[in-house]
Each structure stands twice: as structure tokens, then as C-alpha cells.
Amino acid sequence: MKLLIVLMLAALPLLCYAGSGSGCQLLDDVVEKTIDPEVSLSEYQQYLQEFLDSDADQEAVGEFKQCFLNQSNETLQNFDLMMKIIYDSPWCRAF
């Protein structure tokens, strides 16, 4: 389960495209909901429901969101900044 969470974290920046944000509105929305402490665990799981095929997927997404809910606002802001830096990087613009 922890491996799946790590893979989800690693995959987010790899999906970026040229332009501001990721270039993919769905990805931008998922990242925003992931780091938003006002989005509850159940709201997050419901938002991603169409992409979840099993109870294991549901549990993994729940653990993923819970990791962010356990973080301070400062950490969440730093994660958001990191994502913006990644999106604006020359490596991302190459895709």
C-alpha cells in the first residue's frame, strides 16, 4: 500500500505539460484537492471515484489524502510551490 502511495506521488509531476499549471485541468484539480485541507477524505474519494476500480484503490487513495491532511499548512504550501516549480521547469516544457 505504501508503494502505491509513493508511486502516486512520483507520477504527479511526470504528467506535466507546457504552459502554466500542468496543462491538464484534471491533474491540476486533483493536485489542488489533494493539498486542500478543507477537502475531506470522503469528498476526495468521491471526486476520484470514477478512477477507482477496487476497494484497494479506494483505500490507497484514502491513505494518500490522509497523508496530506496530516501535514501543516506550511508543508502544504511548500508542496504547492514545488508542483508549480516542476510545472515551470524546462524538463516539463519539453513534453
N, C-alpha and C. Protein backbone atom coordinates (compact mmCIF):
# COMPACT_ATOMS: atom_id res chain seq x y z
N MET A 1 0.83 -1.18 0.00
CA MET A 1 0.00 0.00 0.00
C MET A 1 0.88 1.26 0.00
N LYS A 2 1.96 1.23 0.79
CA LYS A 2 2.84 2.40 0.83
C LYS A 2 3.52 2.61 -0.51
N LEU A 3 3.83 1.52 -1.19
CA LEU A 3 4.44 1.63 -2.51
C LEU A 3 3.51 2.34 -3.48
N LEU A 4 2.22 2.02 -3.41
CA LEU A 4 1.25 2.67 -4.28
C LEU A 4 1.19 4.17 -4.01
N ILE A 5 1.25 4.55 -2.75
CA ILE A 5 1.23 5.97 -2.39
C ILE A 5 2.48 6.66 -2.95
N VAL A 6 3.63 6.03 -2.80
CA VAL A 6 4.87 6.60 -3.33
C VAL A 6 4.79 6.74 -4.84
N LEU A 7 4.25 5.73 -5.51
CA LEU A 7 4.12 5.80 -6.96
C LEU A 7 3.16 6.90 -7.40
N MET A 8 2.08 7.10 -6.64
CA MET A 8 1.15 8.17 -6.96
C MET A 8 1.84 9.52 -6.82
N LEU A 9 2.63 9.69 -5.77
CA LEU A 9 3.37 10.95 -5.58
C LEU A 9 4.38 11.17 -6.69
N ALA A 10 5.05 10.10 -7.08
CA ALA A 10 6.07 10.21 -8.13
C ALA A 10 5.44 10.48 -9.49
N ALA A 11 4.25 9.97 -9.73
CA ALA A 11 3.62 10.10 -11.03
C ALA A 11 3.06 11.50 -11.28
N LEU A 12 2.66 12.20 -10.25
CA LEU A 12 2.03 13.51 -10.44
C LEU A 12 2.89 14.47 -11.26
N PRO A 13 4.16 14.68 -10.89
CA PRO A 13 4.95 15.63 -11.68
C PRO A 13 5.29 15.13 -13.07
N LEU A 14 5.26 13.83 -13.28
CA LEU A 14 5.60 13.28 -14.59
C LEU A 14 4.51 13.54 -15.63
N LEU A 15 3.35 13.93 -15.18
CA LEU A 15 2.23 14.16 -16.08
C LEU A 15 2.12 15.60 -16.56
N CYS A 16 3.15 16.39 -16.32
CA CYS A 16 3.06 17.81 -16.65
C CYS A 16 3.28 18.08 -18.13
N TYR A 17 2.76 19.19 -18.58
CA TYR A 17 2.89 19.64 -19.96
C TYR A 17 3.31 21.10 -19.97
N ALA A 18 3.55 21.65 -21.14
CA ALA A 18 3.96 23.05 -21.27
C ALA A 18 2.85 23.98 -20.80
N GLY A 19 3.25 25.18 -20.41
CA GLY A 19 2.28 26.19 -20.01
C GLY A 19 2.19 26.30 -18.50
N SER A 20 1.29 27.16 -18.04
CA SER A 20 1.12 27.30 -16.61
C SER A 20 0.31 26.13 -16.09
N GLY A 21 0.59 25.71 -14.89
CA GLY A 21 -0.04 24.51 -14.38
C GLY A 21 0.47 23.32 -15.16
N SER A 22 -0.23 22.23 -15.05
CA SER A 22 0.22 21.00 -15.71
C SER A 22 -0.17 20.96 -17.17
N GLY A 23 -1.14 21.77 -17.56
CA GLY A 23 -1.66 21.68 -18.91
C GLY A 23 -2.81 20.69 -18.99
N CYS A 24 -3.07 20.04 -17.89
CA CYS A 24 -4.15 19.06 -17.79
C CYS A 24 -5.04 19.49 -16.64
N GLN A 25 -6.23 19.96 -16.95
CA GLN A 25 -7.11 20.51 -15.91
C GLN A 25 -7.45 19.47 -14.86
N LEU A 26 -7.66 18.22 -15.28
CA LEU A 26 -7.99 17.18 -14.31
C LEU A 26 -6.85 17.00 -13.31
N LEU A 27 -5.62 16.95 -13.80
CA LEU A 27 -4.47 16.81 -12.91
C LEU A 27 -4.36 18.01 -11.98
N ASP A 28 -4.54 19.21 -12.52
CA ASP A 28 -4.50 20.41 -11.68
C ASP A 28 -5.55 20.34 -10.57
N ASP A 29 -6.76 19.90 -10.92
CA ASP A 29 -7.83 19.79 -9.94
C ASP A 29 -7.53 18.74 -8.87
N VAL A 30 -6.97 17.62 -9.28
CA VAL A 30 -6.63 16.56 -8.32
C VAL A 30 -5.54 17.05 -7.37
N VAL A 31 -4.52 17.70 -7.89
CA VAL A 31 -3.45 18.23 -7.03
C VAL A 31 -4.03 19.24 -6.05
N GLU A 32 -4.88 20.12 -6.55
CA GLU A 32 -5.49 21.14 -5.69
C GLU A 32 -6.33 20.49 -4.59
N LYS A 33 -7.13 19.50 -4.93
CA LYS A 33 -7.96 18.82 -3.92
C LYS A 33 -7.10 18.00 -2.96
N THR A 34 -5.98 17.50 -3.45
CA THR A 34 -5.09 16.70 -2.60
C THR A 34 -4.49 17.56 -1.50
N ILE A 35 -4.08 18.76 -1.84
CA ILE A 35 -3.39 19.59 -0.85
C ILE A 35 -4.33 20.52 -0.08
N ASP A 36 -5.61 20.56 -0.45
CA ASP A 36 -6.57 21.43 0.22
C ASP A 36 -7.05 20.77 1.51
N PRO A 37 -6.70 21.32 2.68
CA PRO A 37 -7.14 20.70 3.94
C PRO A 37 -8.64 20.82 4.17
N GLU A 38 -9.31 21.65 3.39
CA GLU A 38 -10.77 21.80 3.52
C GLU A 38 -11.52 20.67 2.80
N VAL A 39 -10.84 19.95 1.93
CA VAL A 39 -11.47 18.81 1.23
C VAL A 39 -11.33 17.59 2.12
N SER A 40 -12.46 17.04 2.52
CA SER A 40 -12.44 15.89 3.42
C SER A 40 -12.02 14.62 2.68
N LEU A 41 -11.69 13.63 3.45
CA LEU A 41 -11.30 12.33 2.90
C LEU A 41 -12.42 11.76 2.03
N SER A 42 -13.65 11.80 2.51
CA SER A 42 -14.77 11.24 1.75
C SER A 42 -15.04 12.05 0.48
N GLU A 43 -14.92 13.38 0.54
CA GLU A 43 -15.09 14.20 -0.66
C GLU A 43 -14.04 13.87 -1.71
N TYR A 44 -12.81 13.69 -1.25
CA TYR A 44 -11.69 13.37 -2.13
C TYR A 44 -11.91 12.02 -2.81
N GLN A 45 -12.29 11.02 -2.03
CA GLN A 45 -12.55 9.70 -2.60
C GLN A 45 -13.72 9.73 -3.58
N GLN A 46 -14.74 10.50 -3.26
CA GLN A 46 -15.89 10.61 -4.15
C GLN A 46 -15.48 11.30 -5.46
N TYR A 47 -14.64 12.32 -5.36
CA TYR A 47 -14.17 13.04 -6.54
C TYR A 47 -13.42 12.11 -7.49
N LEU A 48 -12.64 11.19 -6.94
CA LEU A 48 -11.84 10.28 -7.75
C LEU A 48 -12.51 8.94 -8.01
N GLN A 49 -13.75 8.79 -7.60
CA GLN A 49 -14.46 7.51 -7.67
C GLN A 49 -14.42 6.86 -9.06
N GLU A 50 -14.54 7.64 -10.11
CA GLU A 50 -14.57 7.06 -11.46
C GLU A 50 -13.25 6.40 -11.86
N PHE A 51 -12.18 6.72 -11.14
CA PHE A 51 -10.86 6.15 -11.44
C PHE A 51 -10.50 4.99 -10.53
N LEU A 52 -11.36 4.67 -9.57
CA LEU A 52 -11.07 3.62 -8.58
C LEU A 52 -11.82 2.35 -8.96
N ASP A 53 -11.05 1.29 -9.16
CA ASP A 53 -11.65 0.03 -9.62
C ASP A 53 -11.93 -0.96 -8.50
N SER A 54 -11.33 -0.76 -7.35
CA SER A 54 -11.48 -1.75 -6.29
C SER A 54 -11.45 -1.08 -4.92
N ASP A 55 -11.74 -1.89 -3.91
CA ASP A 55 -11.65 -1.40 -2.54
C ASP A 55 -10.21 -1.04 -2.19
N ALA A 56 -9.26 -1.79 -2.76
CA ALA A 56 -7.84 -1.50 -2.50
C ALA A 56 -7.48 -0.13 -3.05
N ASP A 57 -8.00 0.21 -4.24
CA ASP A 57 -7.77 1.54 -4.81
C ASP A 57 -8.37 2.62 -3.90
N GLN A 58 -9.58 2.37 -3.45
CA GLN A 58 -10.27 3.32 -2.57
C GLN A 58 -9.45 3.54 -1.29
N GLU A 59 -8.94 2.46 -0.74
CA GLU A 59 -8.14 2.55 0.48
C GLU A 59 -6.82 3.30 0.23
N ALA A 60 -6.18 3.01 -0.90
CA ALA A 60 -4.92 3.68 -1.23
C ALA A 60 -5.12 5.18 -1.40
N VAL A 61 -6.18 5.57 -2.09
CA VAL A 61 -6.47 6.99 -2.29
C VAL A 61 -6.78 7.65 -0.94
N GLY A 62 -7.48 6.91 -0.09
CA GLY A 62 -7.77 7.43 1.25
C GLY A 62 -6.50 7.66 2.06
N GLU A 63 -5.58 6.71 2.00
CA GLU A 63 -4.31 6.86 2.71
C GLU A 63 -3.49 8.00 2.12
N PHE A 64 -3.54 8.13 0.80
CA PHE A 64 -2.81 9.20 0.12
C PHE A 64 -3.31 10.56 0.61
N LYS A 65 -4.62 10.76 0.62
CA LYS A 65 -5.19 12.04 1.07
C LYS A 65 -4.91 12.25 2.55
N GLN A 66 -4.99 11.19 3.34
CA GLN A 66 -4.76 11.32 4.78
C GLN A 66 -3.34 11.80 5.07
N CYS A 67 -2.39 11.38 4.24
CA CYS A 67 -1.01 11.85 4.40
C CYS A 67 -0.96 13.38 4.30
N PHE A 68 -1.72 13.94 3.39
CA PHE A 68 -1.73 15.40 3.22
C PHE A 68 -2.54 16.07 4.32
N LEU A 69 -3.61 15.42 4.78
CA LEU A 69 -4.39 16.00 5.87
C LEU A 69 -3.58 16.08 7.16
N ASN A 70 -2.59 15.22 7.29
CA ASN A 70 -1.75 15.21 8.50
C ASN A 70 -0.65 16.27 8.48
N GLN A 71 -0.52 16.98 7.38
CA GLN A 71 0.57 17.96 7.23
C GLN A 71 0.13 19.35 7.69
N SER A 72 1.10 20.16 8.02
CA SER A 72 0.82 21.55 8.41
C SER A 72 0.49 22.37 7.16
N ASN A 73 -0.11 23.51 7.37
CA ASN A 73 -0.42 24.41 6.24
C ASN A 73 0.87 24.85 5.54
N GLU A 74 1.93 25.05 6.30
CA GLU A 74 3.20 25.44 5.71
C GLU A 74 3.72 24.35 4.76
N THR A 75 3.63 23.11 5.18
CA THR A 75 4.08 22.00 4.34
C THR A 75 3.23 21.91 3.07
N LEU A 76 1.92 22.10 3.22
CA LEU A 76 1.03 22.06 2.05
C LEU A 76 1.36 23.19 1.08
N GLN A 77 1.65 24.37 1.60
CA GLN A 77 2.03 25.49 0.74
C GLN A 77 3.35 25.21 0.03
N ASN A 78 4.28 24.59 0.73
CA ASN A 78 5.57 24.23 0.12
C ASN A 78 5.38 23.18 -0.97
N PHE A 79 4.48 22.22 -0.75
CA PHE A 79 4.20 21.21 -1.77
C PHE A 79 3.60 21.87 -3.01
N ASP A 80 2.67 22.80 -2.79
CA ASP A 80 2.06 23.52 -3.91
C ASP A 80 3.13 24.29 -4.68
N LEU A 81 4.03 24.94 -3.98
CA LEU A 81 5.13 25.67 -4.62
C LEU A 81 6.02 24.71 -5.41
N MET A 82 6.32 23.56 -4.83
CA MET A 82 7.13 22.57 -5.53
C MET A 82 6.47 22.14 -6.84
N MET A 83 5.17 21.91 -6.80
CA MET A 83 4.46 21.49 -8.01
C MET A 83 4.53 22.59 -9.07
N LYS A 84 4.39 23.84 -8.66
CA LYS A 84 4.47 24.95 -9.61
C LYS A 84 5.87 25.06 -10.22
N ILE A 85 6.89 24.84 -9.40
CA ILE A 85 8.26 24.87 -9.91
C ILE A 85 8.48 23.74 -10.90
N ILE A 86 7.96 22.58 -10.59
CA ILE A 86 8.09 21.44 -11.51
C ILE A 86 7.38 21.73 -12.83
N TYR A 87 6.17 22.27 -12.75
CA TYR A 87 5.41 22.58 -13.97
C TYR A 87 6.15 23.59 -14.84
N ASP A 88 6.85 24.53 -14.20
CA ASP A 88 7.54 25.58 -14.94
C ASP A 88 8.97 25.20 -15.35
N SER A 89 9.40 24.02 -14.98
CA SER A 89 10.77 23.61 -15.27
C SER A 89 10.96 23.34 -16.76
N PRO A 90 12.17 23.51 -17.27
CA PRO A 90 12.44 23.22 -18.68
C PRO A 90 12.15 21.76 -19.03
N TRP A 91 12.34 20.87 -18.06
CA TRP A 91 12.08 19.45 -18.31
C TRP A 91 10.60 19.24 -18.63
N CYS A 92 9.73 19.90 -17.89
CA CYS A 92 8.29 19.75 -18.13
C CYS A 92 7.89 20.39 -19.45
N ARG A 93 8.49 21.50 -19.77
CA ARG A 93 8.12 22.19 -21.01
C ARG A 93 8.53 21.40 -22.24
N ALA A 94 9.44 20.45 -22.07
CA ALA A 94 9.87 19.62 -23.20
C ALA A 94 8.78 18.66 -23.64
N PHE A 95 7.82 18.39 -22.74
CA PHE A 95 6.73 17.48 -23.09
C PHE A 95 5.60 18.27 -23.63
